[in-house]
Amino acid sequence: MADSSSEEIAVIGNTDLTAAELENNRNNTMAEAGTALLKRMEISVAEAEKRTGKNAVNMQETYTVYLIETRAVDTATDGQNPTPDTLWRRYSEFELLRNYLLVTYPFIVVPPLPEKRAEFVWHKLSADNMDPDFVERRRAGLENFLLRVASHPVLSNDKIFYSFLTEENGWKEVVFETGFQAKADSRLKALNATFRVKNPDKRFTELKLYSDELQSVTSQLLRVRARVADRLYGVYKVHGNYGRVFSEWSAIERDMGDGLQSAGHHMDAYAASVDDILEEEEHYADQLKEYLYYAEALRTVCKKHELLQYELEVDALDLTSKKQQREELATGTVRTFSLKGMTSKLFGQETPEQREAKLKVLEEQITEAENLVIQKNAECEEFVQKAWVDMERFKEQKDRDLKEALISYAVMQISVCKKGIQVWTNAKECFSKM
């Protein structure tokens, strides 16, 4: 095998893929994965229920469980409506499932879970994670998570995911038997790779920067939306005051009483509709929040690639070092300063037999190191190909989802403004009839 420096080895893992290769890889990946589970099974999180029980340390606690319903598509399309299979899951079990998927499929942008506690919430709404409105929004978010996974060409065919949907008991034991926790990379290890990798892939570096910007922009948008919602709530409540004043005024006026009272009713009805409008706003906010958390999922893929690249560079450097040692032993010359070189000068050179024995050991170590570099390089190259296929899939999904969410939000705001104009048009007619 020819000598390979760490730089040369690292470049192999950074091979750019052409559009044709990307498309071919995407087709192969989806062919291997088979049909997405969502095409074969209907999945929903039908309801949430508050329960009280004892936790791991035998203390009383209140928690929420979610009812997952599944039904085979074939039975639903035959004109029948059989009772769906159901089971209850806690939020922590959803977290366990996602952590397993993150470790098992490091090259995939794993869909995020909805927030465990309320963030970026409009301040008139409760931030209590037991609040019924928040629990309902989280129920919808958990259903969306399951649908995302079930529609993914690779994740949907995972046996653990299927057992999560269909097996009430024993699911956790099956997950832990996979040993996924032992495979999880520590944060310190990932941080070390981030700062020490010498030849980062430009595409993943740009992707990490993009994910940071996506998170920043989405956070700002959510904060602005919360301020807009606050002002909207204030406007509606002012109309409620108009309604109260007009009603009180109508009681003391004979000729104008009917017109004032009618105008007051229009104002009251308008003020009362604010809760439904703000609930719809929260729905669009949750769609944006999903991509706020998707940004972290993107960074997770980038960190895993950095770690693979760093391990490849370390192994390549070790191989180069061993080859240099072999050359020094064979020629009897030391290129760089070392304790070994100083020892040789002070106590004399090694005998030919000693050098031969060391050379033999080094040859075995070099062979092992070469095989390890080949293996690591193949892992890195495979990761890049699979990750980029999934990244293309994610970008298409992101563009489509955000476009739909922003258009729907704009339509809702236009509708709100039209409703306000209609209320004052009706009030104007009431005043004209006085």
Protein backbone atom coordinates (compact mmCIF):
# COMPACT_ATOMS: atom_id res chain seq x y z
CA MET A 1 0.00 0.00 0.00
CA ALA A 2 1.32 3.45 -0.85
CA ASP A 3 2.16 5.91 1.91
CA SER A 4 -0.81 8.10 2.86
CA SER A 5 -0.72 11.29 4.87
CA SER A 6 -3.63 12.39 7.09
CA GLU A 7 -4.49 15.16 4.62
CA GLU A 8 -4.70 12.76 1.67
CA ILE A 9 -6.91 10.36 3.58
CA ALA A 10 -9.24 13.11 4.81
CA VAL A 11 -9.90 14.32 1.27
CA ILE A 12 -11.38 10.97 0.28
CA GLY A 13 -14.25 11.43 2.72
CA ASN A 14 -15.00 14.84 1.18
CA THR A 15 -15.64 13.60 -2.36
CA ASP A 16 -18.31 15.81 -3.98
CA LEU A 17 -21.32 14.04 -5.43
CA THR A 18 -22.73 14.98 -8.81
CA ALA A 19 -26.44 15.56 -9.30
CA ALA A 20 -26.75 12.21 -11.09
CA GLU A 21 -24.96 10.39 -8.25
CA LEU A 22 -27.18 12.08 -5.68
CA GLU A 23 -30.31 11.04 -7.54
CA ASN A 24 -29.01 7.49 -7.93
CA ASN A 25 -28.14 7.28 -4.23
CA ARG A 26 -31.55 8.66 -3.28
CA ASN A 27 -33.32 6.06 -5.43
CA ASN A 28 -31.17 3.25 -4.05
CA THR A 29 -31.77 4.37 -0.46
CA MET A 30 -35.51 4.50 -0.94
CA ALA A 31 -35.55 1.18 -2.77
CA GLU A 32 -33.67 -0.46 0.10
CA ALA A 33 -35.96 1.16 2.64
CA GLY A 34 -39.12 -0.06 0.96
CA THR A 35 -42.52 1.55 1.28
CA ALA A 36 -42.97 4.14 4.01
CA LEU A 37 -45.06 2.86 6.92
CA LEU A 38 -47.56 5.71 6.56
CA LYS A 39 -48.75 4.21 3.28
CA ARG A 40 -49.64 0.98 5.06
CA MET A 41 -50.91 2.25 8.40
CA GLU A 42 -53.01 5.12 9.74
CA ILE A 43 -51.39 6.68 12.82
CA SER A 44 -52.78 9.26 15.21
CA VAL A 45 -52.34 10.51 18.78
CA ALA A 46 -56.03 10.66 19.61
CA GLU A 47 -56.06 12.14 23.10
CA ALA A 48 -54.07 13.06 26.20
CA GLU A 49 -54.86 12.05 29.77
CA LYS A 50 -53.50 13.28 33.09
CA ARG A 51 -52.50 10.53 35.54
CA THR A 52 -51.01 10.27 39.01
CA GLY A 53 -48.55 7.62 40.09
CA LYS A 54 -45.19 6.92 41.67
CA ASN A 55 -41.92 7.65 39.89
CA ALA A 56 -38.60 5.80 39.97
CA VAL A 57 -37.74 7.09 43.47
CA ASN A 58 -41.19 6.08 44.80
CA MET A 59 -42.52 9.64 45.00
CA GLN A 60 -46.00 10.69 43.92
CA GLU A 61 -46.10 12.59 40.62
CA THR A 62 -48.62 13.84 38.08
CA TYR A 63 -47.87 13.17 34.44
CA THR A 64 -49.56 13.10 31.03
CA VAL A 65 -49.97 10.06 28.78
CA TYR A 66 -50.96 10.07 25.10
CA LEU A 67 -53.18 7.57 23.31
CA ILE A 68 -51.67 6.26 20.07
CA GLU A 69 -54.14 4.74 17.61
CA THR A 70 -53.08 2.67 14.60
CA ARG A 71 -55.11 1.01 11.88
CA ALA A 72 -54.02 -0.89 8.76
CA VAL A 73 -54.86 1.08 5.60
CA ASP A 74 -56.13 -2.07 3.82
CA THR A 75 -58.92 -2.65 6.34
CA ALA A 76 -59.97 1.00 6.20
CA THR A 77 -60.25 1.04 2.40
CA ASP A 78 -62.41 -2.10 2.21
CA GLY A 79 -65.43 -0.15 3.39
CA GLN A 80 -64.95 -1.38 6.93
CA ASN A 81 -64.12 0.73 9.95
CA PRO A 82 -62.56 -1.67 12.46
CA THR A 83 -61.59 -0.58 15.96
CA PRO A 84 -58.01 0.73 15.86
CA ASP A 85 -55.23 -0.76 18.00
CA THR A 86 -54.45 1.58 20.87
CA LEU A 87 -51.78 2.05 23.53
CA TRP A 88 -50.64 4.80 25.91
CA ARG A 89 -47.20 6.43 25.88
CA ARG A 90 -45.56 9.06 28.06
CA TYR A 91 -43.55 11.95 26.63
CA SER A 92 -40.36 10.35 28.02
CA GLU A 93 -40.99 7.30 25.84
CA PHE A 94 -41.17 9.52 22.76
CA GLU A 95 -37.82 10.99 23.88
CA LEU A 96 -36.34 7.50 24.22
CA LEU A 97 -37.52 6.60 20.71
CA ARG A 98 -35.98 9.73 19.20
CA ASN A 99 -32.66 9.22 21.03
CA TYR A 100 -32.54 5.68 19.67
CA LEU A 101 -33.19 6.94 16.12
CA LEU A 102 -30.49 9.64 16.49
CA VAL A 103 -27.86 7.06 17.44
CA THR A 104 -28.97 4.37 14.99
CA TYR A 105 -29.33 6.70 11.99
CA PRO A 106 -26.70 9.45 12.52
CA PHE A 107 -26.82 10.48 8.83
CA ILE A 108 -30.55 11.32 8.97
CA VAL A 109 -32.16 14.61 10.01
CA VAL A 110 -34.39 13.01 12.64
CA PRO A 111 -37.70 14.91 13.13
CA PRO A 112 -37.81 16.88 16.40
CA LEU A 113 -40.26 16.44 19.24
CA PRO A 114 -42.56 19.27 20.33
CA GLU A 115 -41.33 21.31 23.28
CA LYS A 116 -41.54 19.70 26.70
CA ARG A 117 -42.21 23.05 28.34
CA ALA A 118 -43.71 26.11 26.72
CA GLU A 119 -41.24 28.48 25.04
CA PHE A 120 -41.81 31.56 22.85
CA VAL A 121 -45.37 31.60 24.17
CA TRP A 122 -47.62 34.62 23.87
CA HIS A 123 -47.67 35.89 27.45
CA LYS A 124 -51.46 35.76 27.92
CA LEU A 125 -51.29 31.98 27.48
CA SER A 126 -50.21 29.61 30.24
CA ALA A 127 -46.65 28.25 30.23
CA ASP A 128 -47.66 25.43 32.59
CA ASN A 129 -46.86 22.08 30.95
CA MET A 130 -50.03 20.65 32.56
CA ASP A 131 -52.24 23.39 31.11
CA PRO A 132 -54.96 21.75 28.92
CA ASP A 133 -54.27 24.06 25.96
CA PHE A 134 -50.53 23.36 26.09
CA VAL A 135 -51.12 19.60 26.46
CA GLU A 136 -53.40 19.67 23.42
CA ARG A 137 -50.79 21.49 21.35
CA ARG A 138 -48.16 18.99 22.48
CA ARG A 139 -50.50 16.11 21.56
CA ALA A 140 -50.75 17.52 18.04
CA GLY A 141 -46.95 17.93 17.96
CA LEU A 142 -46.35 14.32 19.02
CA GLU A 143 -48.75 13.12 16.32
CA ASN A 144 -46.86 15.20 13.77
CA PHE A 145 -43.57 13.63 14.99
CA LEU A 146 -44.94 10.11 14.46
CA LEU A 147 -46.26 11.01 11.01
CA ARG A 148 -42.88 12.51 10.05
CA VAL A 149 -41.06 9.33 11.07
CA ALA A 150 -43.70 7.06 9.51
CA SER A 151 -43.40 8.87 6.16
CA HIS A 152 -39.58 8.81 6.10
CA PRO A 153 -38.21 6.30 3.54
CA VAL A 154 -35.68 4.87 6.04
CA LEU A 155 -36.90 5.58 9.58
CA SER A 156 -40.40 4.26 8.86
CA ASN A 157 -39.07 0.73 8.35
CA ASP A 158 -37.27 0.51 11.68
CA LYS A 159 -38.55 -2.45 13.73
CA ILE A 160 -38.16 -0.58 17.02
CA PHE A 161 -40.37 2.23 15.72
CA TYR A 162 -42.99 -0.30 14.67
CA SER A 163 -42.96 -1.94 18.12
CA PHE A 164 -43.29 1.53 19.70
CA LEU A 165 -46.58 1.91 17.79
CA THR A 166 -47.93 -1.60 18.34
CA GLU A 167 -46.54 -3.17 21.55
CA GLU A 168 -47.80 -1.86 24.89
CA ASN A 169 -45.30 -3.68 27.13
CA GLY A 170 -41.69 -4.72 26.74
CA TRP A 171 -40.88 -1.96 24.26
CA LYS A 172 -38.31 -0.21 26.46
CA GLU A 173 -36.46 -3.47 27.15
CA VAL A 174 -36.14 -4.11 23.40
CA VAL A 175 -34.69 -0.61 22.90
CA PHE A 176 -32.11 -0.98 25.66
CA GLU A 177 -31.10 -4.43 24.35
CA THR A 178 -29.89 -2.74 21.16
CA GLY A 179 -27.12 -1.11 23.21
CA PHE A 180 -27.73 2.25 21.52
CA GLN A 181 -26.71 4.14 24.67
CA ALA A 182 -23.18 2.73 24.51
CA LYS A 183 -22.92 3.91 20.90
CA ALA A 184 -23.96 7.46 21.72
CA ASP A 185 -21.14 9.99 21.38
CA SER A 186 -20.34 12.07 24.42
CA ARG A 187 -20.61 15.86 24.14
CA LEU A 188 -16.95 16.24 25.10
CA LYS A 189 -15.91 13.88 22.32
CA ALA A 190 -17.99 15.78 19.76
CA LEU A 191 -16.67 19.14 20.98
CA ASN A 192 -13.10 17.89 20.73
CA ALA A 193 -13.68 16.81 17.13
CA THR A 194 -15.21 20.21 16.26
CA PHE A 195 -12.10 22.10 17.32
CA ARG A 196 -9.41 19.63 16.21
CA VAL A 197 -10.52 18.35 12.81
CA LYS A 198 -7.97 19.60 10.26
CA ASN A 199 -9.85 19.08 7.02
CA PRO A 200 -13.57 19.81 7.55
CA ASP A 201 -15.98 19.23 4.69
CA LYS A 202 -16.99 22.66 3.36
CA ARG A 203 -20.56 21.52 2.70
CA PHE A 204 -21.11 20.41 6.29
CA THR A 205 -19.46 23.58 7.60
CA GLU A 206 -21.85 25.68 5.51
CA LEU A 207 -24.76 23.50 6.64
CA LYS A 208 -23.88 24.10 10.29
CA LEU A 209 -23.76 27.86 9.70
CA TYR A 210 -27.11 27.66 7.91
CA SER A 211 -28.69 25.76 10.82
CA ASP A 212 -27.45 28.45 13.25
CA GLU A 213 -28.95 31.18 11.07
CA LEU A 214 -32.21 29.24 10.65
CA GLN A 215 -32.54 28.93 14.42
CA SER A 216 -31.73 32.61 14.96
CA VAL A 217 -34.18 33.86 12.32
CA THR A 218 -36.96 31.53 13.45
CA SER A 219 -36.50 32.60 17.08
CA GLN A 220 -36.74 36.26 16.09
CA LEU A 221 -39.85 35.57 13.99
CA LEU A 222 -41.54 33.79 16.90
CA ARG A 223 -40.77 36.69 19.25
CA VAL A 224 -42.17 39.22 16.77
CA ARG A 225 -45.28 37.04 16.32
CA ALA A 226 -45.78 36.98 20.10
CA ARG A 227 -45.67 40.80 20.20
CA VAL A 228 -48.14 41.01 17.29
CA ALA A 229 -50.45 38.57 19.08
CA ASP A 230 -50.25 40.70 22.21
CA ARG A 231 -51.25 43.83 20.27
CA LEU A 232 -54.03 41.93 18.52
CA TYR A 233 -55.37 40.77 21.88
CA GLY A 234 -55.33 44.39 23.08
CA VAL A 235 -57.26 45.60 20.02
CA TYR A 236 -59.95 42.97 20.51
CA LYS A 237 -60.29 43.79 24.20
CA VAL A 238 -60.70 47.49 23.33
CA HIS A 239 -63.61 46.46 21.11
CA GLY A 240 -65.05 44.67 24.12
CA ASN A 241 -64.92 48.00 25.97
CA TYR A 242 -66.66 49.67 23.02
CA GLY A 243 -69.41 47.07 23.27
CA ARG A 244 -69.87 47.67 26.99
CA VAL A 245 -69.98 51.48 26.55
CA PHE A 246 -72.46 51.32 23.65
CA SER A 247 -74.73 48.96 25.61
CA GLU A 248 -74.69 51.21 28.67
CA TRP A 249 -75.27 54.27 26.50
CA SER A 250 -78.25 52.65 24.75
CA ALA A 251 -80.01 52.32 28.13
CA ILE A 252 -80.27 56.09 28.53
CA GLU A 253 -81.19 56.98 24.96
CA ARG A 254 -84.65 56.53 23.46
CA ASP A 255 -84.20 57.41 19.79
CA MET A 256 -80.61 56.17 19.47
CA GLY A 257 -80.94 53.19 21.84
CA ASP A 258 -81.55 50.45 19.27
CA GLY A 259 -78.70 51.56 17.00
CA LEU A 260 -76.23 51.81 19.91
CA GLN A 261 -77.25 48.43 21.27
CA SER A 262 -76.85 46.76 17.84
CA ALA A 263 -73.42 48.33 17.41
CA GLY A 264 -72.50 47.11 20.90
CA HIS A 265 -73.49 43.53 19.98
CA HIS A 266 -71.21 43.66 16.91
CA MET A 267 -68.33 44.86 19.08
CA ASP A 268 -68.93 42.16 21.72
CA ALA A 269 -69.04 39.39 19.11
CA TYR A 270 -65.79 40.69 17.59
CA ALA A 271 -64.07 40.82 20.98
CA ALA A 272 -65.21 37.28 21.84
CA SER A 273 -63.68 35.84 18.64
CA VAL A 274 -60.12 36.69 19.71
CA ASP A 275 -59.56 33.35 21.49
CA ASP A 276 -60.22 31.31 18.33
CA ILE A 277 -57.97 33.59 16.28
CA LEU A 278 -55.09 33.39 18.75
CA GLU A 279 -55.49 29.61 18.94
CA GLU A 280 -55.08 29.51 15.15
CA GLU A 281 -52.02 31.75 15.51
CA GLU A 282 -50.49 29.31 17.98
CA HIS A 283 -50.99 26.55 15.41
CA TYR A 284 -48.83 28.45 12.90
CA ALA A 285 -46.33 29.25 15.65
CA ASP A 286 -45.98 25.53 16.39
CA GLN A 287 -45.20 24.90 12.72
CA LEU A 288 -42.38 27.44 12.94
CA LYS A 289 -41.18 25.98 16.24
CA GLU A 290 -40.77 22.59 14.58
CA TYR A 291 -38.15 24.07 12.26
CA LEU A 292 -36.58 25.92 15.17
CA TYR A 293 -35.85 22.47 16.62
CA TYR A 294 -35.02 21.00 13.20
CA ALA A 295 -32.03 23.37 13.23
CA GLU A 296 -30.57 21.37 16.13
CA ALA A 297 -31.22 18.12 14.23
CA LEU A 298 -29.17 19.51 11.31
CA ARG A 299 -26.30 20.38 13.65
CA THR A 300 -26.40 16.85 15.09
CA VAL A 301 -25.72 15.38 11.63
CA CYS A 302 -22.87 17.87 11.10
CA LYS A 303 -21.31 16.99 14.47
CA LYS A 304 -21.42 13.29 13.67
CA HIS A 305 -19.62 13.91 10.38
CA GLU A 306 -16.98 16.00 12.17
CA LEU A 307 -16.41 13.15 14.61
CA LEU A 308 -16.01 10.60 11.82
CA GLN A 309 -13.65 12.92 9.97
CA TYR A 310 -11.60 13.53 13.12
CA GLU A 311 -11.31 9.79 13.85
CA LEU A 312 -10.21 9.23 10.24
CA GLU A 313 -7.54 11.93 10.51
CA VAL A 314 -6.25 10.54 13.84
CA ASP A 315 -5.96 7.03 12.39
CA ALA A 316 -4.25 8.36 9.24
CA LEU A 317 -1.78 10.32 11.37
CA ASP A 318 -1.06 7.22 13.43
CA LEU A 319 -0.40 5.25 10.23
CA THR A 320 2.00 7.93 8.97
CA SER A 321 3.84 7.89 12.31
CA LYS A 322 4.27 4.10 12.24
CA LYS A 323 5.60 4.20 8.68
CA GLN A 324 8.12 6.84 9.72
CA GLN A 325 9.22 4.62 12.62
CA ARG A 326 9.67 1.72 10.18
CA GLU A 327 11.82 3.88 7.91
CA GLU A 328 13.96 5.04 10.85
CA LEU A 329 14.49 1.48 12.05
CA ALA A 330 15.35 0.27 8.54
CA THR A 331 17.88 3.08 7.83
CA GLY A 332 19.11 3.66 11.35
CA THR A 333 18.50 7.42 11.04
CA VAL A 334 16.14 9.46 13.21
CA ARG A 335 14.36 12.32 11.40
CA THR A 336 12.93 14.05 14.41
CA PHE A 337 13.99 14.53 18.01
CA SER A 338 12.70 11.80 20.29
CA LEU A 339 13.50 10.15 23.60
CA LYS A 340 14.22 6.99 21.66
CA GLY A 341 16.85 8.78 19.54
CA MET A 342 18.57 10.24 22.61
CA THR A 343 18.62 6.81 24.27
CA SER A 344 20.29 5.29 21.21
CA LYS A 345 23.00 7.95 21.25
CA LEU A 346 23.66 7.54 24.98
CA PHE A 347 23.56 3.73 25.25
CA GLY A 348 24.43 2.64 21.74
CA GLN A 349 22.50 1.33 18.76
CA GLU A 350 20.21 -1.71 18.91
CA THR A 351 21.46 -5.02 17.60
CA PRO A 352 20.30 -6.22 14.14
CA GLU A 353 18.21 -8.92 15.82
CA GLN A 354 16.43 -6.37 18.01
CA ARG A 355 15.74 -4.12 15.01
CA GLU A 356 14.43 -7.06 13.01
CA ALA A 357 12.03 -8.02 15.80
CA LYS A 358 10.79 -4.45 16.13
CA LEU A 359 10.40 -4.14 12.38
CA LYS A 360 8.26 -7.28 12.35
CA VAL A 361 6.00 -5.89 15.07
CA LEU A 362 5.79 -2.55 13.26
CA GLU A 363 4.83 -4.25 9.98
CA GLU A 364 1.92 -5.96 11.73
CA GLN A 365 0.85 -2.69 13.34
CA ILE A 366 1.07 -0.87 9.99
CA THR A 367 -1.09 -3.52 8.32
CA GLU A 368 -3.69 -3.15 11.06
CA ALA A 369 -3.52 0.66 10.82
CA GLU A 370 -3.93 0.54 7.02
CA ASN A 371 -7.01 -1.66 7.33
CA LEU A 372 -8.43 0.66 9.98
CA VAL A 373 -7.89 3.73 7.77
CA ILE A 374 -9.55 1.97 4.83
CA GLN A 375 -12.50 1.05 7.07
CA LYS A 376 -12.82 4.56 8.54
CA ASN A 377 -12.54 6.14 5.12
CA ALA A 378 -15.30 3.88 3.78
CA GLU A 379 -17.50 4.77 6.78
CA CYS A 380 -16.92 8.46 6.21
CA GLU A 381 -17.64 8.26 2.50
CA GLU A 382 -20.81 6.23 3.09
CA PHE A 383 -21.95 8.72 5.74
CA VAL A 384 -21.45 11.67 3.36
CA GLN A 385 -23.46 9.99 0.60
CA LYS A 386 -26.36 8.93 2.84
CA ALA A 387 -26.43 12.23 4.73
CA TRP A 388 -26.55 14.29 1.57
CA VAL A 389 -29.38 12.23 0.14
CA ASP A 390 -31.40 12.84 3.31
CA MET A 391 -30.38 16.50 3.35
CA GLU A 392 -31.87 16.97 -0.11
CA ARG A 393 -35.08 15.29 1.07
CA PHE A 394 -35.17 17.56 4.14
CA LYS A 395 -34.65 20.74 2.10
CA GLU A 396 -37.59 19.89 -0.16
CA GLN A 397 -39.76 19.22 2.89
CA LYS A 398 -38.63 22.42 4.65
CA ASP A 399 -39.26 24.66 1.64
CA ARG A 400 -42.72 23.18 1.12
CA ASP A 401 -43.77 23.31 4.79
CA LEU A 402 -42.53 26.82 5.53
CA LYS A 403 -44.04 28.19 2.34
CA GLU A 404 -47.44 26.73 3.24
CA ALA A 405 -47.24 27.92 6.86
CA LEU A 406 -46.27 31.49 5.96
CA ILE A 407 -48.94 31.76 3.25
CA SER A 408 -51.60 30.43 5.66
CA TYR A 409 -50.44 32.90 8.31
CA ALA A 410 -50.69 35.78 5.82
CA VAL A 411 -54.18 34.65 4.76
CA MET A 412 -55.25 34.52 8.41
CA GLN A 413 -53.98 38.07 9.05
CA ILE A 414 -55.82 39.34 5.97
CA SER A 415 -58.97 37.60 7.20
CA VAL A 416 -58.57 39.24 10.62
CA CYS A 417 -58.28 42.68 9.03
CA LYS A 418 -61.31 42.06 6.81
CA LYS A 419 -63.29 40.97 9.84
CA GLY A 420 -62.39 44.21 11.64
CA ILE A 421 -63.46 46.27 8.62
CA GLN A 422 -66.76 44.35 8.47
CA VAL A 423 -67.45 45.01 12.17
CA TRP A 424 -67.00 48.77 11.72
CA THR A 425 -69.02 48.71 8.49
CA ASN A 426 -71.88 47.08 10.42
CA ALA A 427 -71.45 49.60 13.23
CA LYS A 428 -71.59 52.43 10.69
CA GLU A 429 -74.92 51.12 9.36
CA CYS A 430 -76.28 50.92 12.92
CA PHE A 431 -75.26 54.51 13.55
CA SER A 432 -76.85 55.62 10.22
CA LYS A 433 -80.22 54.19 11.27
CA MET A 434 -80.37 56.13 14.52
